[in-house]
Amino acid sequence: MKNIATVKDVMTRAASIAKSAFITEALGKMLNEGVDPLIVTNNGEVIGTISRRSIAEILGSKKNAQISPTKIHVASHVQDNFTSVYPDQSVDILVPLLQASKVVVVLDENHRLIGKIGYADLLKVMKPVTPISRLMEKAYTIQADERVVHLRRRMLDDGINRFVVTSNGSIVGIVTETDVATSLASFREMVETKHQDARIRNLIVQDIMSAPVIAAEQTVAVTAAVDLMLGKGISALPITDSGQLAGLLTLEALVRAL
């Protein structure tokens, strides 16, 4: 591997969207580019980000029920939760920055956007040495036949962004903010407004979850777990102990351990 010394050695192409775009465009770009959050610009200047979580909240809000997702602009939902660096700065600056923010924006000397660094970008060149058992977070579970409206309420009330889905004691899927956002966007487009309240209550977690699940045993080496997550493009990995769910390993937790 080449010597990694500066920000430009780690940064990748920055996916961005204009604040005048619609949230459906933003969500589509996030899915196509595999990024979250997405950088928002105005006349080429970075003004913030928009996340999959915020899109899920927008689409699930009753006050937006009468508005088509294709008519809701990014501008009104921009979050100022990013920090910026320059390409020739030391790579060491990235660890504390990414421990505080999900994305670091890279600007040139004219303050123009030239790249970004996220959790996955940093973990390609830096990996923690902490054992998996000390990195695992609590894995929140939900039944496959639970209603999506209850799932969304738990996400909002408890600040949980992903659940491991179980059925008859077995892991059958995982459901995230992304699954909620994409399913609500499709639902809002396909179902007439007057029928949405009634129909959405019939959606169950199994209808929107991601399956099958990629999981790993607690004995796996951290480097192998990181490589698996990066190779599969996933942000969370259920960890099992003798086949039973023991916890969840996330890219965020791995960066915090650097």
Protein backbone atom coordinates (compact mmCIF):
# COMPACT_ATOMS: atom_id res chain seq x y z
CA MET A 1 0.00 0.00 0.00
CA LYS A 2 1.28 3.46 -0.80
CA ASN A 3 2.37 5.76 1.99
CA ILE A 4 -0.68 7.48 3.45
CA ALA A 5 0.37 10.89 4.74
CA THR A 6 -2.15 13.56 3.71
CA VAL A 7 -5.86 14.07 3.24
CA LYS A 8 -5.56 13.77 -0.55
CA ASP A 9 -4.27 10.19 -0.10
CA VAL A 10 -7.56 9.21 1.57
CA MET A 11 -10.24 11.39 0.00
CA THR A 12 -12.65 10.10 -2.60
CA ARG A 13 -14.92 11.78 -5.12
CA ALA A 14 -17.58 13.88 -3.44
CA ALA A 15 -21.19 13.12 -4.32
CA SER A 16 -23.20 16.32 -3.97
CA ILE A 17 -26.59 17.77 -4.82
CA ALA A 18 -27.89 21.31 -5.28
CA LYS A 19 -30.17 22.68 -2.59
CA SER A 20 -32.78 23.33 -5.31
CA ALA A 21 -33.10 19.59 -6.04
CA PHE A 22 -35.91 17.42 -4.70
CA ILE A 23 -35.46 14.94 -1.86
CA THR A 24 -36.30 12.02 -4.16
CA GLU A 25 -33.31 13.01 -6.31
CA ALA A 26 -31.17 13.18 -3.18
CA LEU A 27 -32.29 9.75 -2.00
CA GLY A 28 -31.68 8.23 -5.43
CA LYS A 29 -28.18 9.69 -5.52
CA MET A 30 -27.40 8.39 -2.03
CA LEU A 31 -28.43 4.88 -3.05
CA ASN A 32 -26.61 4.97 -6.39
CA GLU A 33 -23.42 6.41 -4.89
CA GLY A 34 -23.60 4.46 -1.62
CA VAL A 35 -23.22 7.59 0.52
CA ASP A 36 -24.90 8.97 3.62
CA PRO A 37 -25.11 11.85 4.25
CA LEU A 38 -25.07 13.63 0.88
CA ILE A 39 -23.27 16.96 0.54
CA VAL A 40 -25.55 19.89 -0.38
CA THR A 41 -24.27 22.84 -2.41
CA ASN A 42 -25.51 26.24 -3.49
CA ASN A 43 -23.81 27.73 -6.55
CA GLY A 44 -20.89 25.38 -5.95
CA GLU A 45 -20.47 26.27 -2.26
CA VAL A 46 -21.00 23.60 0.39
CA ILE A 47 -23.83 24.64 2.72
CA GLY A 48 -24.54 21.40 4.58
CA THR A 49 -25.72 17.82 4.18
CA ILE A 50 -28.92 15.82 3.92
CA SER A 51 -29.19 12.32 5.37
CA ARG A 52 -31.28 9.23 4.75
CA ARG A 53 -32.63 9.59 8.26
CA SER A 54 -33.91 13.10 7.63
CA ILE A 55 -35.56 11.95 4.39
CA ALA A 56 -37.29 9.12 6.26
CA GLU A 57 -38.56 11.64 8.81
CA ILE A 58 -39.77 13.99 6.07
CA LEU A 59 -41.65 11.27 4.20
CA GLY A 60 -43.16 9.87 7.38
CA SER A 61 -44.39 13.21 8.64
CA LYS A 62 -48.15 13.80 8.51
CA LYS A 63 -47.64 17.46 7.69
CA ASN A 64 -46.00 16.40 4.41
CA ALA A 65 -48.63 13.77 3.60
CA GLN A 66 -50.37 16.00 1.07
CA ILE A 67 -47.15 16.86 -0.75
CA SER A 68 -45.63 14.58 -3.37
CA PRO A 69 -42.04 13.55 -2.49
CA THR A 70 -41.05 14.78 -5.95
CA LYS A 71 -42.04 18.30 -4.92
CA ILE A 72 -40.20 18.56 -1.57
CA HIS A 73 -36.94 20.48 -1.96
CA VAL A 74 -33.63 19.60 -0.34
CA ALA A 75 -33.17 23.26 0.71
CA SER A 76 -35.63 23.16 3.59
CA HIS A 77 -34.00 20.10 5.17
CA VAL A 78 -30.27 20.88 5.03
CA GLN A 79 -28.25 20.08 8.15
CA ASP A 80 -25.08 21.96 9.04
CA ASN A 81 -23.25 18.91 10.38
CA PHE A 82 -20.02 18.73 8.44
CA THR A 83 -16.47 19.96 8.77
CA SER A 84 -13.93 20.79 6.07
CA VAL A 85 -10.23 20.19 5.48
CA TYR A 86 -7.68 20.84 2.74
CA PRO A 87 -5.94 18.14 0.69
CA ASP A 88 -2.41 18.76 1.96
CA GLN A 89 -3.27 18.56 5.65
CA SER A 90 -2.01 15.58 7.64
CA VAL A 91 -4.16 12.45 7.58
CA ASP A 92 -4.00 12.39 11.39
CA ILE A 93 -6.49 15.27 11.52
CA LEU A 94 -9.21 13.02 10.12
CA VAL A 95 -9.67 10.69 13.09
CA PRO A 96 -11.04 13.25 15.60
CA LEU A 97 -13.05 14.96 12.86
CA LEU A 98 -14.80 11.76 11.79
CA GLN A 99 -15.38 10.80 15.40
CA ALA A 100 -17.48 13.97 15.62
CA SER A 101 -19.04 14.08 12.14
CA LYS A 102 -20.14 11.49 9.55
CA VAL A 103 -18.46 13.25 6.65
CA VAL A 104 -15.46 15.51 6.14
CA VAL A 105 -15.57 17.81 3.13
CA VAL A 106 -12.32 18.46 1.24
CA LEU A 107 -11.94 21.94 -0.29
CA ASP A 108 -9.26 23.43 -2.52
CA GLU A 109 -7.54 26.78 -1.95
CA ASN A 110 -10.53 28.52 -3.53
CA HIS A 111 -12.92 26.76 -1.15
CA ARG A 112 -14.38 24.64 -3.93
CA LEU A 113 -15.50 21.10 -3.22
CA ILE A 114 -12.98 18.55 -4.51
CA GLY A 115 -13.58 15.47 -2.37
CA LYS A 116 -14.97 13.90 0.77
CA ILE A 117 -13.96 11.44 3.45
CA GLY A 118 -16.42 9.21 5.26
CA TYR A 119 -16.11 6.33 7.71
CA ALA A 120 -15.46 3.75 4.98
CA ASP A 121 -12.79 5.88 3.31
CA LEU A 122 -10.82 6.19 6.56
CA LEU A 123 -11.22 2.52 7.49
CA LYS A 124 -9.67 1.48 4.18
CA VAL A 125 -6.36 2.85 5.45
CA MET A 126 -6.74 2.68 9.25
CA LYS A 127 -8.15 -0.19 11.30
CA PRO A 128 -8.57 -0.42 15.08
CA VAL A 129 -6.85 -3.21 17.01
CA THR A 130 -9.53 -3.45 19.69
CA PRO A 131 -11.21 -6.89 20.01
CA ILE A 132 -14.68 -7.24 18.48
CA SER A 133 -16.18 -7.92 21.92
CA ARG A 134 -15.22 -4.41 23.04
CA LEU A 135 -16.43 -2.72 19.87
CA MET A 136 -19.90 -4.23 19.69
CA GLU A 137 -22.94 -2.07 20.32
CA LYS A 138 -26.30 -3.26 21.57
CA ALA A 139 -28.31 -4.85 18.78
CA TYR A 140 -31.93 -3.71 18.88
CA THR A 141 -34.36 -6.25 17.50
CA ILE A 142 -37.83 -6.12 16.01
CA GLN A 143 -40.18 -8.86 14.88
CA ALA A 144 -40.65 -9.39 11.14
CA ASP A 145 -44.43 -9.08 11.51
CA GLU A 146 -44.28 -5.77 13.43
CA ARG A 147 -45.91 -2.82 11.68
CA VAL A 148 -43.68 -0.26 9.97
CA VAL A 149 -45.47 2.61 11.75
CA HIS A 150 -44.34 1.10 15.07
CA LEU A 151 -40.82 0.64 13.73
CA ARG A 152 -40.65 4.26 12.69
CA ARG A 153 -41.97 5.41 16.08
CA ARG A 154 -39.25 3.44 17.86
CA MET A 155 -36.63 4.96 15.56
CA LEU A 156 -37.84 8.48 16.30
CA ASP A 157 -38.53 8.10 20.02
CA ASP A 158 -35.41 6.13 20.92
CA GLY A 159 -32.96 7.48 18.33
CA ILE A 160 -32.31 4.01 16.88
CA ASN A 161 -31.32 3.95 13.22
CA ARG A 162 -31.26 0.19 12.57
CA PHE A 163 -32.87 -2.98 13.89
CA VAL A 164 -32.01 -6.63 13.45
CA VAL A 165 -35.19 -8.38 12.31
CA THR A 166 -36.08 -11.70 13.95
CA SER A 167 -38.72 -14.37 13.45
CA ASN A 168 -39.14 -17.42 15.69
CA GLY A 169 -35.84 -16.61 17.38
CA SER A 170 -33.83 -16.48 14.15
CA ILE A 171 -32.23 -13.49 12.41
CA VAL A 172 -34.07 -12.96 9.12
CA GLY A 173 -33.13 -9.43 8.08
CA ILE A 174 -32.02 -5.96 9.01
CA VAL A 175 -34.02 -2.76 8.65
CA THR A 176 -32.49 0.70 8.55
CA GLU A 177 -33.37 4.34 7.95
CA THR A 178 -32.57 3.69 4.29
CA ASP A 179 -35.18 0.95 4.05
CA VAL A 180 -37.76 3.22 5.69
CA ALA A 181 -36.92 6.17 3.43
CA THR A 182 -37.00 4.19 0.18
CA SER A 183 -40.19 2.31 1.06
CA LEU A 184 -42.01 5.48 2.11
CA ALA A 185 -40.91 7.28 -1.06
CA SER A 186 -42.23 4.45 -3.23
CA PHE A 187 -45.40 4.14 -1.16
CA ARG A 188 -46.17 7.85 -1.35
CA GLU A 189 -45.78 7.78 -5.12
CA MET A 190 -47.87 4.65 -5.73
CA VAL A 191 -50.76 5.13 -3.30
CA GLU A 192 -53.31 7.91 -3.59
CA THR A 193 -53.14 10.44 -0.76
CA LYS A 194 -56.63 9.66 0.52
CA HIS A 195 -55.71 5.98 1.00
CA GLN A 196 -52.22 6.46 2.47
CA ASP A 197 -53.07 6.53 6.18
CA ALA A 198 -55.04 3.30 5.99
CA ARG A 199 -52.64 1.47 3.68
CA ILE A 200 -49.43 2.42 5.47
CA ARG A 201 -50.73 0.83 8.66
CA ASN A 202 -50.75 -2.52 6.87
CA LEU A 203 -47.06 -2.36 5.98
CA ILE A 204 -44.98 -4.74 8.10
CA VAL A 205 -41.24 -4.84 8.69
CA GLN A 206 -40.83 -7.93 6.52
CA ASP A 207 -42.11 -5.90 3.56
CA ILE A 208 -39.24 -3.42 3.71
CA MET A 209 -36.31 -5.14 5.44
CA SER A 210 -33.04 -6.05 3.74
CA ALA A 211 -32.42 -9.79 3.53
CA PRO A 212 -30.60 -12.12 3.68
CA VAL A 213 -28.39 -10.84 6.50
CA ILE A 214 -24.61 -10.78 6.44
CA ALA A 215 -23.36 -11.64 9.95
CA ALA A 216 -20.11 -12.74 11.60
CA GLU A 217 -19.15 -14.74 14.67
CA GLN A 218 -17.67 -12.90 17.64
CA THR A 219 -14.34 -14.70 17.10
CA VAL A 220 -13.73 -12.93 13.77
CA ALA A 221 -10.67 -10.67 13.58
CA VAL A 222 -11.41 -6.95 13.46
CA THR A 223 -9.52 -6.55 10.18
CA ALA A 224 -11.55 -9.34 8.61
CA ALA A 225 -14.81 -7.79 9.86
CA VAL A 226 -13.86 -4.38 8.46
CA ASP A 227 -12.88 -5.87 5.11
CA LEU A 228 -16.19 -7.76 4.98
CA MET A 229 -18.20 -4.60 5.70
CA LEU A 230 -16.30 -2.50 3.18
CA GLY A 231 -16.46 -5.24 0.55
CA LYS A 232 -20.22 -5.65 0.94
CA GLY A 233 -20.88 -1.92 1.30
CA ILE A 234 -22.69 -2.27 4.63
CA SER A 235 -22.53 0.06 7.62
CA ALA A 236 -23.49 -2.49 10.28
CA LEU A 237 -22.65 -6.14 10.87
CA PRO A 238 -24.64 -8.34 13.29
CA ILE A 239 -22.24 -10.28 15.53
CA THR A 240 -23.24 -13.70 16.80
CA ASP A 241 -22.00 -15.95 19.60
CA SER A 242 -22.57 -19.62 18.75
CA GLY A 243 -25.22 -18.53 16.30
CA GLN A 244 -27.09 -16.28 18.74
CA LEU A 245 -27.19 -12.51 18.26
CA ALA A 246 -24.62 -10.91 20.57
CA GLY A 247 -24.35 -7.34 19.28
CA LEU A 248 -23.81 -5.07 16.33
CA LEU A 249 -20.56 -3.79 14.81
CA THR A 250 -20.87 -0.45 13.01
CA LEU A 251 -18.50 1.64 10.94
CA GLU A 252 -19.07 4.48 13.39
CA ALA A 253 -17.95 2.32 16.34
CA LEU A 254 -14.85 1.25 14.40
CA VAL A 255 -13.89 4.88 13.71
CA ARG A 256 -14.46 5.78 17.37
CA ALA A 257 -11.93 3.07 18.31
CA LEU A 258 -9.12 4.45 16.14
